[in-house]
């Protein structure tokens, strides 16, 4: 059965609006020079802390052999920066003030912005979806030296269990025993038909 042209056009427009919503980038927070200077100083201090934490993470990865090993390289498509999956602790739902404080740090100290929704992943994991103002049009990072630990460690390799990686990222994971390979396990939200992980239902503690 043929569908009316008006209905097809309306569906195309709705799909375009959906894609625009997923990729929309809000303006960065307005900051005067005192706040910019303070933010820069805080981030320089955090850089020292994060560098030490990153060295500890690397040592832990060397000391405890993970179930999977990482393969592939970054394709610099910016997929992981457009949809940053931040593990959402149940404590944030129980204490909304804690969630707001945490998100304030992520969006004011760093260059992230909240996309306003969360994804429910396999295994009951909930991830808040963030974007980043530092993402350049060519897919590179405009704030590479001061990037936070979540960016340095991506894609994260858990000691036990399956890692997650975005489609088109370029990375994949192979089990050490060679029995299984994981490639592109998390769909991107570039187009509506790729969104197979459902948005989280219920009350948003940040809303």
Protein backbone atom coordinates (compact mmCIF):
# COMPACT_ATOMS: atom_id res chain seq x y z
CA UNK A 1 0.00 0.00 0.00
CA UNK A 2 1.40 3.35 -1.08
CA UNK A 3 1.67 6.00 1.59
CA UNK A 4 0.61 9.61 0.96
CA UNK A 5 3.47 11.98 0.04
CA UNK A 6 2.57 14.28 2.95
CA UNK A 7 2.97 11.41 5.41
CA UNK A 8 6.35 10.46 3.94
CA UNK A 9 7.56 14.06 4.12
CA UNK A 10 6.40 14.35 7.73
CA UNK A 11 8.28 11.17 8.63
CA UNK A 12 11.46 12.45 6.95
CA UNK A 13 11.19 15.73 8.84
CA UNK A 14 10.69 13.90 12.14
CA UNK A 15 13.71 11.71 11.41
CA UNK A 16 15.81 14.79 10.63
CA UNK A 17 14.71 16.42 13.88
CA UNK A 18 15.63 13.24 15.77
CA UNK A 19 19.11 13.18 14.25
CA UNK A 20 19.55 16.87 15.00
CA UNK A 21 18.51 16.27 18.60
CA UNK A 22 21.01 13.46 19.03
CA UNK A 23 23.86 15.53 17.60
CA UNK A 24 22.83 18.95 18.91
CA UNK A 25 25.61 20.80 20.70
CA UNK A 26 24.55 23.54 23.14
CA UNK A 27 26.61 26.67 23.58
CA UNK A 28 29.41 26.42 26.17
CA UNK A 29 28.67 28.01 29.55
CA UNK A 30 29.37 31.74 29.59
CA UNK A 31 32.44 32.52 31.70
CA UNK A 32 34.18 35.81 32.41
CA UNK A 33 37.98 35.95 32.56
CA UNK A 34 38.14 35.35 36.37
CA UNK A 35 36.14 32.12 36.00
CA UNK A 36 38.18 31.06 32.97
CA UNK A 37 41.39 31.65 34.91
CA UNK A 38 40.07 29.76 37.95
CA UNK A 39 38.87 26.86 35.78
CA UNK A 40 42.24 26.65 34.08
CA UNK A 41 44.05 26.56 37.43
CA UNK A 42 41.77 23.83 38.78
CA UNK A 43 42.26 21.76 35.64
CA UNK A 44 46.05 22.10 35.83
CA UNK A 45 45.93 20.74 39.39
CA UNK A 46 43.57 17.97 38.28
CA UNK A 47 45.96 17.14 35.43
CA UNK A 48 48.60 16.11 37.98
CA UNK A 49 46.07 13.99 39.90
CA UNK A 50 44.67 12.40 36.74
CA UNK A 51 48.15 11.64 35.40
CA UNK A 52 49.00 9.78 38.61
CA UNK A 53 45.67 7.93 38.48
CA UNK A 54 46.29 7.01 34.85
CA UNK A 55 49.70 5.57 35.72
CA UNK A 56 48.04 3.54 38.48
CA UNK A 57 45.42 2.31 36.01
CA UNK A 58 48.10 1.22 33.55
CA UNK A 59 50.03 -0.55 36.29
CA UNK A 60 46.85 -2.33 37.41
CA UNK A 61 46.15 -3.42 33.83
CA UNK A 62 49.67 -4.83 33.62
CA UNK A 63 49.42 -6.51 37.02
CA UNK A 64 45.96 -8.05 36.58
CA UNK A 65 45.45 -9.66 33.19
CA UNK A 66 42.03 -8.77 31.80
CA UNK A 67 39.77 -11.34 30.17
CA UNK A 68 39.96 -9.49 26.82
CA UNK A 69 42.74 -7.70 24.97
CA UNK A 70 42.25 -4.63 22.85
CA UNK A 71 42.84 -4.64 19.10
CA UNK A 72 42.52 -2.03 16.38
CA UNK A 73 43.17 1.71 16.40
CA UNK A 74 41.21 4.94 16.79
CA UNK A 75 39.64 6.08 13.51
CA UNK A 76 39.26 9.68 14.82
CA UNK A 77 35.59 9.84 13.92
CA UNK A 78 34.66 11.48 17.21
CA UNK A 79 31.97 8.87 17.91
CA UNK A 80 33.08 8.31 21.49
CA UNK A 81 33.13 12.10 22.06
CA UNK A 82 29.66 12.68 20.63
CA UNK A 83 28.14 10.06 22.93
CA UNK A 84 30.23 9.61 26.07
CA UNK A 85 28.78 6.77 28.14
CA UNK A 86 29.22 7.67 31.80
CA UNK A 87 28.35 4.84 34.17
CA UNK A 88 25.43 5.99 36.30
CA UNK A 89 25.63 4.87 39.91
CA UNK A 90 22.38 3.92 41.75
CA UNK A 91 23.50 6.40 44.40
CA UNK A 92 22.78 9.22 41.97
CA UNK A 93 19.12 8.18 41.84
CA UNK A 94 18.89 7.96 45.62
CA UNK A 95 20.61 11.30 46.20
CA UNK A 96 19.80 13.77 43.37
CA UNK A 97 22.02 16.44 44.95
CA UNK A 98 24.99 14.09 44.53
CA UNK A 99 24.10 13.61 40.85
CA UNK A 100 23.89 17.38 40.32
CA UNK A 101 27.23 17.94 42.06
CA UNK A 102 28.89 15.25 39.96
CA UNK A 103 27.43 16.60 36.72
CA UNK A 104 28.43 20.14 37.71
CA UNK A 105 32.03 18.95 37.90
CA UNK A 106 31.80 17.17 34.55
CA UNK A 107 30.17 20.10 32.73
CA UNK A 108 31.86 23.07 34.41
CA UNK A 109 35.39 21.87 35.12
CA UNK A 110 35.64 19.78 31.97
CA UNK A 111 34.24 20.48 28.51
CA UNK A 112 31.37 17.96 28.65
CA UNK A 113 27.69 18.76 28.33
CA UNK A 114 24.73 16.64 29.36
CA UNK A 115 22.59 15.32 26.50
CA UNK A 116 19.69 14.96 28.91
CA UNK A 117 19.08 11.23 28.79
CA UNK A 118 20.55 7.88 29.83
CA UNK A 119 20.86 4.53 28.07
CA UNK A 120 20.07 1.18 29.60
CA UNK A 121 22.83 -1.19 28.53
CA UNK A 122 23.10 -4.94 28.73
CA UNK A 123 23.58 -6.47 32.15
CA UNK A 124 21.52 -3.80 33.88
CA UNK A 125 24.16 -1.10 33.43
CA UNK A 126 22.86 2.46 33.12
CA UNK A 127 24.97 5.09 31.36
CA UNK A 128 24.37 8.83 31.24
CA UNK A 129 25.08 10.18 27.76
CA UNK A 130 27.31 13.25 27.50
CA UNK A 131 28.78 15.21 24.63
CA UNK A 132 31.93 17.34 24.49
CA UNK A 133 32.56 20.94 23.43
CA UNK A 134 36.24 20.14 22.81
CA UNK A 135 35.45 17.88 19.84
CA UNK A 136 36.76 19.47 16.65
CA UNK A 137 35.13 19.06 13.21
CA UNK A 138 37.98 16.77 12.11
CA UNK A 139 37.32 14.40 15.04
CA UNK A 140 40.36 15.44 17.09
CA UNK A 141 40.34 16.78 20.66
CA UNK A 142 40.76 20.50 21.29
CA UNK A 143 41.71 19.90 24.92
CA UNK A 144 43.86 16.80 24.61
CA UNK A 145 46.48 17.45 27.29
CA UNK A 146 43.92 18.18 30.01
CA UNK A 147 41.46 15.47 29.01
CA UNK A 148 39.92 13.58 31.97
CA UNK A 149 40.56 9.97 32.91
CA UNK A 150 37.39 8.69 31.19
CA UNK A 151 38.88 9.86 27.87
CA UNK A 152 42.37 8.55 28.56
CA UNK A 153 41.08 5.09 29.46
CA UNK A 154 38.66 4.68 26.52
CA UNK A 155 37.86 2.02 25.54
CA UNK A 156 37.95 0.67 29.09
CA UNK A 157 39.08 -2.91 29.62
CA UNK A 158 37.40 -4.48 32.68
CA UNK A 159 39.30 -7.24 34.45
CA UNK A 160 36.30 -9.57 34.06
CA UNK A 161 33.43 -9.21 31.62
CA UNK A 162 32.75 -7.80 28.19
CA UNK A 163 34.01 -4.34 27.23
CA UNK A 164 31.82 -1.84 25.37
CA UNK A 165 32.85 0.14 22.33
CA UNK A 166 30.98 2.39 19.88
CA UNK A 167 30.29 1.46 16.28
CA UNK A 168 32.79 2.91 13.85
CA UNK A 169 35.32 3.52 16.62
CA UNK A 170 38.03 1.27 15.16
CA UNK A 171 38.68 -0.74 18.31
CA UNK A 172 37.68 -4.34 18.94
CA UNK A 173 38.35 -6.86 21.70
CA UNK A 174 39.58 -10.44 21.56
CA UNK A 175 39.47 -12.93 24.40
CA UNK A 176 42.87 -14.12 25.53
CA UNK A 177 41.84 -17.72 24.87
CA UNK A 178 40.75 -16.76 21.33
CA UNK A 179 37.19 -18.05 21.73
CA UNK A 180 35.30 -14.84 21.09
CA UNK A 181 35.70 -11.42 19.55
CA UNK A 182 33.75 -8.27 20.32
CA UNK A 183 33.56 -5.57 17.71
CA UNK A 184 31.44 -2.43 17.85
CA UNK A 185 29.09 -3.54 20.60
CA UNK A 186 27.49 -0.17 21.30
CA UNK A 187 25.46 1.45 18.50
CA UNK A 188 25.85 5.14 17.83
CA UNK A 189 23.00 7.60 17.66
CA UNK A 190 23.98 9.16 14.35
CA UNK A 191 20.80 7.87 12.72
CA UNK A 192 17.55 6.78 14.25
CA UNK A 193 17.74 3.20 12.97
CA UNK A 194 21.01 2.57 14.85
CA UNK A 195 19.55 3.34 18.26
CA UNK A 196 18.77 -0.13 19.55
CA UNK A 197 19.60 0.55 23.18
CA UNK A 198 16.49 2.04 24.71
CA UNK A 199 16.46 5.26 26.61
CA UNK A 200 16.07 4.84 30.31
CA UNK A 201 12.54 5.14 31.65
CA UNK A 202 11.55 6.76 34.92
CA UNK A 203 12.23 10.01 36.74
CA UNK A 204 15.40 11.85 35.79
CA UNK A 205 17.23 12.96 38.97
CA UNK A 206 18.70 15.87 37.02
CA UNK A 207 15.35 16.97 35.66
